């Protein structure tokens, strides 16, 4: 298995191919990259792709 940053994968494979493989729209991929979301795509040995986002826990800031 190989983990690749989403933005890096889009620059090598193209926006349409990545969005099709992950089952999301191209605008969703574009927005995730433009707001610097920390998303990694794992390319499995069987050729399938799975994306996961790494976020701090808790992800929401507390309000007083």
PDB file of N, CA and C in Angstrom:
ATOM      1  N   UNK A   1       0.849  -1.188   0.000  1.00  0.00           N
ATOM      2  CA  UNK A   1       0.000   0.000   0.000  1.00  0.00           C
ATOM      3  C   UNK A   1       0.885   1.239   0.000  1.00  0.00           C
ATOM      4  N   UNK A   2       0.354   2.263  -0.611  1.00  0.00           N
ATOM      5  CA  UNK A   2       1.098   3.503  -0.745  1.00  0.00           C
ATOM      6  C   UNK A   2       0.190   4.671  -0.377  1.00  0.00           C
ATOM      7  N   UNK A   3       0.670   5.567   0.518  1.00  0.00           N
ATOM      8  CA  UNK A   3      -0.098   6.758   0.895  1.00  0.00           C
ATOM      9  C   UNK A   3       0.457   7.967   0.163  1.00  0.00           C
ATOM     10  N   UNK A   4      -0.457   8.742  -0.435  1.00  0.00           N
ATOM     11  CA  UNK A   4      -0.074   9.926  -1.201  1.00  0.00           C
ATOM     12  C   UNK A   4      -0.981  11.080  -0.789  1.00  0.00           C
ATOM     13  N   UNK A   5      -0.404  12.268  -0.618  1.00  0.00           N
ATOM     14  CA  UNK A   5      -1.194  13.464  -0.330  1.00  0.00           C
ATOM     15  C   UNK A   5      -2.140  13.718  -1.504  1.00  0.00           C
ATOM     16  N   UNK A   6      -3.371  14.121  -1.208  1.00  0.00           N
ATOM     17  CA  UNK A   6      -4.387  14.329  -2.243  1.00  0.00           C
ATOM     18  C   UNK A   6      -3.909  15.294  -3.322  1.00  0.00           C
ATOM     19  N   UNK A   7      -3.332  16.414  -2.932  1.00  0.00           N
ATOM     20  CA  UNK A   7      -2.886  17.405  -3.921  1.00  0.00           C
ATOM     21  C   UNK A   7      -1.808  16.836  -4.839  1.00  0.00           C
ATOM     22  N   UNK A   8      -0.936  16.017  -4.295  1.00  0.00           N
ATOM     23  CA  UNK A   8       0.119  15.398  -5.095  1.00  0.00           C
ATOM     24  C   UNK A   8      -0.471  14.401  -6.096  1.00  0.00           C
ATOM     25  N   UNK A   9      -1.455  13.639  -5.648  1.00  0.00           N
ATOM     26  CA  UNK A   9      -2.099  12.665  -6.529  1.00  0.00           C
ATOM     27  C   UNK A   9      -2.828  13.355  -7.677  1.00  0.00           C
ATOM     28  N   UNK A  10      -3.509  14.462  -7.368  1.00  0.00           N
ATOM     29  CA  UNK A  10      -4.221  15.214  -8.410  1.00  0.00           C
ATOM     30  C   UNK A  10      -3.233  15.786  -9.424  1.00  0.00           C
ATOM     31  N   UNK A  11      -2.081  16.242  -8.954  1.00  0.00           N
ATOM     32  CA  UNK A  11      -1.106  16.809  -9.895  1.00  0.00           C
ATOM     33  C   UNK A  11      -0.512  15.751 -10.820  1.00  0.00           C
ATOM     34  N   UNK A  12      -0.490  14.482 -10.388  1.00  0.00           N
ATOM     35  CA  UNK A  12       0.059  13.436 -11.250  1.00  0.00           C
ATOM     36  C   UNK A  12      -1.006  12.708 -12.066  1.00  0.00           C
ATOM     37  N   UNK A  13      -2.170  12.454 -11.472  1.00  0.00           N
ATOM     38  CA  UNK A  13      -3.211  11.665 -12.150  1.00  0.00           C
ATOM     39  C   UNK A  13      -4.297  12.513 -12.801  1.00  0.00           C
ATOM     40  N   UNK A  14      -4.475  13.746 -12.315  1.00  0.00           N
ATOM     41  CA  UNK A  14      -5.518  14.613 -12.849  1.00  0.00           C
ATOM     42  C   UNK A  14      -6.759  14.621 -11.967  1.00  0.00           C
ATOM     43  N   UNK A  15      -7.429  15.748 -11.960  1.00  0.00           N
ATOM     44  CA  UNK A  15      -8.604  15.950 -11.107  1.00  0.00           C
ATOM     45  C   UNK A  15      -9.733  14.984 -11.449  1.00  0.00           C
ATOM     46  N   UNK A  16     -10.015  14.806 -12.719  1.00  0.00           N
ATOM     47  CA  UNK A  16     -11.127  13.939 -13.131  1.00  0.00           C
ATOM     48  C   UNK A  16     -10.893  12.490 -12.721  1.00  0.00           C
ATOM     49  N   UNK A  17      -9.680  11.992 -12.918  1.00  0.00           N
ATOM     50  CA  UNK A  17      -9.381  10.596 -12.579  1.00  0.00           C
ATOM     51  C   UNK A  17      -9.471  10.356 -11.078  1.00  0.00           C
ATOM     52  N   UNK A  18      -8.965  11.292 -10.292  1.00  0.00           N
ATOM     53  CA  UNK A  18      -9.001  11.139  -8.832  1.00  0.00           C
ATOM     54  C   UNK A  18     -10.432  11.209  -8.324  1.00  0.00           C
ATOM     55  N   UNK A  19     -11.204  12.168  -8.805  1.00  0.00           N
ATOM     56  CA  UNK A  19     -12.588  12.291  -8.338  1.00  0.00           C
ATOM     57  C   UNK A  19     -13.412  11.069  -8.725  1.00  0.00           C
ATOM     58  N   UNK A  20     -13.184  10.550  -9.907  1.00  0.00           N
ATOM     59  CA  UNK A  20     -13.901   9.350 -10.356  1.00  0.00           C
ATOM     60  C   UNK A  20     -13.526   8.144  -9.488  1.00  0.00           C
ATOM     61  N   UNK A  21     -12.244   7.973  -9.204  1.00  0.00           N
ATOM     62  CA  UNK A  21     -11.779   6.830  -8.411  1.00  0.00           C
ATOM     63  C   UNK A  21     -12.273   6.888  -6.970  1.00  0.00           C
ATOM     64  N   UNK A  22     -12.424   8.105  -6.426  1.00  0.00           N
ATOM     65  CA  UNK A  22     -12.878   8.247  -5.038  1.00  0.00           C
ATOM     66  C   UNK A  22     -14.395   8.371  -4.928  1.00  0.00           C
ATOM     67  N   UNK A  23     -15.076   8.567  -6.051  1.00  0.00           N
ATOM     68  CA  UNK A  23     -16.529   8.657  -6.031  1.00  0.00           C
ATOM     69  C   UNK A  23     -17.065   9.974  -5.509  1.00  0.00           C
ATOM     70  N   UNK A  24     -16.315  11.048  -5.722  1.00  0.00           N
ATOM     71  CA  UNK A  24     -16.760  12.390  -5.332  1.00  0.00           C
ATOM     72  C   UNK A  24     -16.641  13.310  -6.543  1.00  0.00           C
ATOM     73  N   UNK A  25     -17.256  14.477  -6.449  1.00  0.00           N
ATOM     74  CA  UNK A  25     -17.244  15.401  -7.581  1.00  0.00           C
ATOM     75  C   UNK A  25     -15.901  16.130  -7.682  1.00  0.00           C
ATOM     76  N   UNK A  26     -15.518  16.526  -8.898  1.00  0.00           N
ATOM     77  CA  UNK A  26     -14.297  17.316  -9.053  1.00  0.00           C
ATOM     78  C   UNK A  26     -14.294  18.609  -8.226  1.00  0.00           C
ATOM     79  N   UNK A  27     -15.439  19.334  -8.121  1.00  0.00           N
ATOM     80  CA  UNK A  27     -15.419  20.524  -7.266  1.00  0.00           C
ATOM     81  C   UNK A  27     -15.118  20.208  -5.793  1.00  0.00           C
ATOM     82  N   UNK A  28     -15.549  19.052  -5.307  1.00  0.00           N
ATOM     83  CA  UNK A  28     -15.261  18.676  -3.915  1.00  0.00           C
ATOM     84  C   UNK A  28     -13.763  18.453  -3.714  1.00  0.00           C
ATOM     85  N   UNK A  29     -13.125  17.815  -4.684  1.00  0.00           N
ATOM     86  CA  UNK A  29     -11.676  17.598  -4.614  1.00  0.00           C
ATOM     87  C   UNK A  29     -10.952  18.942  -4.671  1.00  0.00           C
ATOM     88  N   UNK A  30     -11.374  19.796  -5.598  1.00  0.00           N
ATOM     89  CA  UNK A  30     -10.752  21.116  -5.754  1.00  0.00           C
ATOM     90  C   UNK A  30     -10.865  21.937  -4.469  1.00  0.00           C
ATOM     91  N   UNK A  31     -12.032  21.935  -3.858  1.00  0.00           N
ATOM     92  CA  UNK A  31     -12.232  22.703  -2.630  1.00  0.00           C
ATOM     93  C   UNK A  31     -11.374  22.155  -1.493  1.00  0.00           C
ATOM     94  N   UNK A  32     -11.302  20.840  -1.364  1.00  0.00           N
ATOM     95  CA  UNK A  32     -10.490  20.232  -0.309  1.00  0.00           C
ATOM     96  C   UNK A  32      -9.025  20.641  -0.444  1.00  0.00           C
ATOM     97  N   UNK A  33      -8.546  20.688  -1.668  1.00  0.00           N
ATOM     98  CA  UNK A  33      -7.157  21.090  -1.899  1.00  0.00           C
ATOM     99  C   UNK A  33      -6.979  22.581  -1.642  1.00  0.00           C
ATOM    100  N   UNK A  34      -7.933  23.393  -2.088  1.00  0.00           N
ATOM    101  CA  UNK A  34      -7.789  24.848  -1.965  1.00  0.00           C
ATOM    102  C   UNK A  34      -7.839  25.341  -0.525  1.00  0.00           C
ATOM    103  N   UNK A  35      -8.509  24.601   0.363  1.00  0.00           N
ATOM    104  CA  UNK A  35      -8.548  25.009   1.774  1.00  0.00           C
ATOM    105  C   UNK A  35      -7.530  24.225   2.613  1.00  0.00           C
ATOM    106  N   UNK A  36      -6.612  23.551   1.923  1.00  0.00           N
ATOM    107  CA  UNK A  36      -5.497  22.841   2.560  1.00  0.00           C
ATOM    108  C   UNK A  36      -5.915  21.772   3.560  1.00  0.00           C
ATOM    109  N   UNK A  37      -6.943  20.999   3.219  1.00  0.00           N
ATOM    110  CA  UNK A  37      -7.321  19.882   4.088  1.00  0.00           C
ATOM    111  C   UNK A  37      -6.244  18.806   4.000  1.00  0.00           C
ATOM    112  N   UNK A  38      -5.966  18.186   5.127  1.00  0.00           N
ATOM    113  CA  UNK A  38      -4.892  17.202   5.233  1.00  0.00           C
ATOM    114  C   UNK A  38      -5.435  15.816   4.870  1.00  0.00           C
ATOM    115  N   UNK A  39      -5.562  15.562   3.577  1.00  0.00           N
ATOM    116  CA  UNK A  39      -6.173  14.328   3.085  1.00  0.00           C
ATOM    117  C   UNK A  39      -5.111  13.484   2.389  1.00  0.00           C
ATOM    118  N   UNK A  40      -5.084  12.217   2.772  1.00  0.00           N
ATOM    119  CA  UNK A  40      -4.171  11.262   2.160  1.00  0.00           C
ATOM    120  C   UNK A  40      -4.971  10.194   1.441  1.00  0.00           C
ATOM    121  N   UNK A  41      -4.467   9.755   0.308  1.00  0.00           N
ATOM    122  CA  UNK A  41      -5.097   8.688  -0.461  1.00  0.00           C
ATOM    123  C   UNK A  41      -4.189   7.468  -0.381  1.00  0.00           C
ATOM    124  N   UNK A  42      -4.776   6.351   0.014  1.00  0.00           N
ATOM    125  CA  UNK A  42      -4.042   5.093   0.056  1.00  0.00           C
ATOM    126  C   UNK A  42      -4.379   4.302  -1.196  1.00  0.00           C
ATOM    127  N   UNK A  43      -3.340   3.938  -1.924  1.00  0.00           N
ATOM    128  CA  UNK A  43      -3.514   3.091  -3.099  1.00  0.00           C
ATOM    129  C   UNK A  43      -3.248   1.666  -2.632  1.00  0.00           C
ATOM    130  N   UNK A  44      -4.288   0.866  -2.614  1.00  0.00           N
ATOM    131  CA  UNK A  44      -4.174  -0.511  -2.127  1.00  0.00           C
ATOM    132  C   UNK A  44      -3.525  -1.406  -3.182  1.00  0.00           C
ATOM    133  N   UNK A  45      -3.099  -2.567  -2.734  1.00  0.00           N
ATOM    134  CA  UNK A  45      -2.442  -3.520  -3.632  1.00  0.00           C
ATOM    135  C   UNK A  45      -3.350  -3.973  -4.773  1.00  0.00           C
ATOM    136  N   UNK A  46      -4.672  -3.985  -4.525  1.00  0.00           N
ATOM    137  CA  UNK A  46      -5.608  -4.405  -5.581  1.00  0.00           C
ATOM    138  C   UNK A  46      -5.967  -3.265  -6.540  1.00  0.00           C
ATOM    139  N   UNK A  47      -5.375  -2.079  -6.331  1.00  0.00           N
ATOM    140  CA  UNK A  47      -5.594  -0.954  -7.232  1.00  0.00           C
ATOM    141  C   UNK A  47      -6.679   0.013  -6.804  1.00  0.00           C
ATOM    142  N   UNK A  48      -7.425  -0.306  -5.738  1.00  0.00           N
ATOM    143  CA  UNK A  48      -8.465   0.608  -5.266  1.00  0.00           C
ATOM    144  C   UNK A  48      -7.840   1.738  -4.454  1.00  0.00           C
ATOM    145  N   UNK A  49      -8.556   2.855  -4.397  1.00  0.00           N
ATOM    146  CA  UNK A  49      -8.089   4.030  -3.667  1.00  0.00           C
ATOM    147  C   UNK A  49      -9.038   4.318  -2.518  1.00  0.00           C
ATOM    148  N   UNK A  50      -8.478   4.688  -1.364  1.00  0.00           N
ATOM    149  CA  UNK A  50      -9.259   5.074  -0.197  1.00  0.00           C
ATOM    150  C   UNK A  50      -8.655   6.366   0.344  1.00  0.00           C
ATOM    151  N   UNK A  51      -9.506   7.358   0.613  1.00  0.00           N
ATOM    152  CA  UNK A  51      -9.024   8.637   1.130  1.00  0.00           C
ATOM    153  C   UNK A  51      -9.407   8.779   2.592  1.00  0.00           C
ATOM    154  N   UNK A  52      -8.510   9.404   3.363  1.00  0.00           N
ATOM    155  CA  UNK A  52      -8.810   9.699   4.761  1.00  0.00           C
ATOM    156  C   UNK A  52      -8.190  11.040   5.127  1.00  0.00           C
ATOM    157  N   UNK A  53      -8.892  11.741   6.000  1.00  0.00           N
ATOM    158  CA  UNK A  53      -8.442  13.059   6.433  1.00  0.00           C
ATOM    159  C   UNK A  53      -7.871  12.961   7.832  1.00  0.00           C
ATOM    160  N   UNK A  54      -6.737  13.606   8.050  1.00  0.00           N
ATOM    161  CA  UNK A  54      -6.112  13.657   9.363  1.00  0.00           C
ATOM    162  C   UNK A  54      -6.440  15.018   9.962  1.00  0.00           C
ATOM    163  N   UNK A  55      -7.104  14.984  11.134  1.00  0.00           N
ATOM    164  CA  UNK A  55      -7.505  16.223  11.808  1.00  0.00           C
ATOM    165  C   UNK A  55      -7.163  16.131  13.285  1.00  0.00           C
ATOM    166  N   UNK A  56      -6.930  17.268  13.917  1.00  0.00           N
ATOM    167  CA  UNK A  56      -6.689  17.251  15.356  1.00  0.00           C
ATOM    168  C   UNK A  56      -7.943  16.818  16.109  1.00  0.00           C
ATOM    169  N   UNK A  57      -7.746  16.258  17.283  1.00  0.00           N
ATOM    170  CA  UNK A  57      -8.875  15.863  18.118  1.00  0.00           C
ATOM    171  C   UNK A  57      -8.806  16.651  19.411  1.00  0.00           C
ATOM    172  N   UNK A  58      -9.840  17.271  19.856  1.00  0.00           N
ATOM    173  CA  UNK A  58     -11.116  17.464  19.168  1.00  0.00           C
ATOM    174  C   UNK A  58     -10.944  18.456  18.027  1.00  0.00           C
ATOM    175  N   UNK A  59     -11.750  18.288  17.002  1.00  0.00           N
ATOM    176  CA  UNK A  59     -11.576  19.107  15.805  1.00  0.00           C
ATOM    177  C   UNK A  59     -12.261  20.466  15.906  1.00  0.00           C
ATOM    178  N   UNK A  60     -13.215  20.590  16.818  1.00  0.00           N
ATOM    179  CA  UNK A  60     -13.894  21.874  16.981  1.00  0.00           C
ATOM    180  C   UNK A  60     -13.315  22.605  18.179  1.00  0.00           C
ATOM    181  N   UNK A  61     -13.173  23.904  18.031  1.00  0.00           N
ATOM    182  CA  UNK A  61     -12.653  24.710  19.130  1.00  0.00           C
ATOM    183  C   UNK A  61     -13.758  24.955  20.141  1.00  0.00           C
ATOM    184  N   UNK A  62     -13.396  24.945  21.404  1.00  0.00           N
ATOM    185  CA  UNK A  62     -14.373  25.205  22.465  1.00  0.00           C
ATOM    186  C   UNK A  62     -14.695  26.694  22.528  1.00  0.00           C
ATOM    187  N   UNK A  63     -15.950  26.976  22.833  1.00  0.00           N
ATOM    188  CA  UNK A  63     -16.345  28.357  23.071  1.00  0.00           C
ATOM    189  C   UNK A  63     -16.700  28.499  24.537  1.00  0.00           C
ATOM    190  N   UNK A  64     -16.328  29.595  25.117  1.00  0.00           N
ATOM    191  CA  UNK A  64     -16.547  29.791  26.553  1.00  0.00           C
ATOM    192  C   UNK A  64     -17.958  30.181  26.877  1.00  0.00           C
TER     193      UNK A  64
END
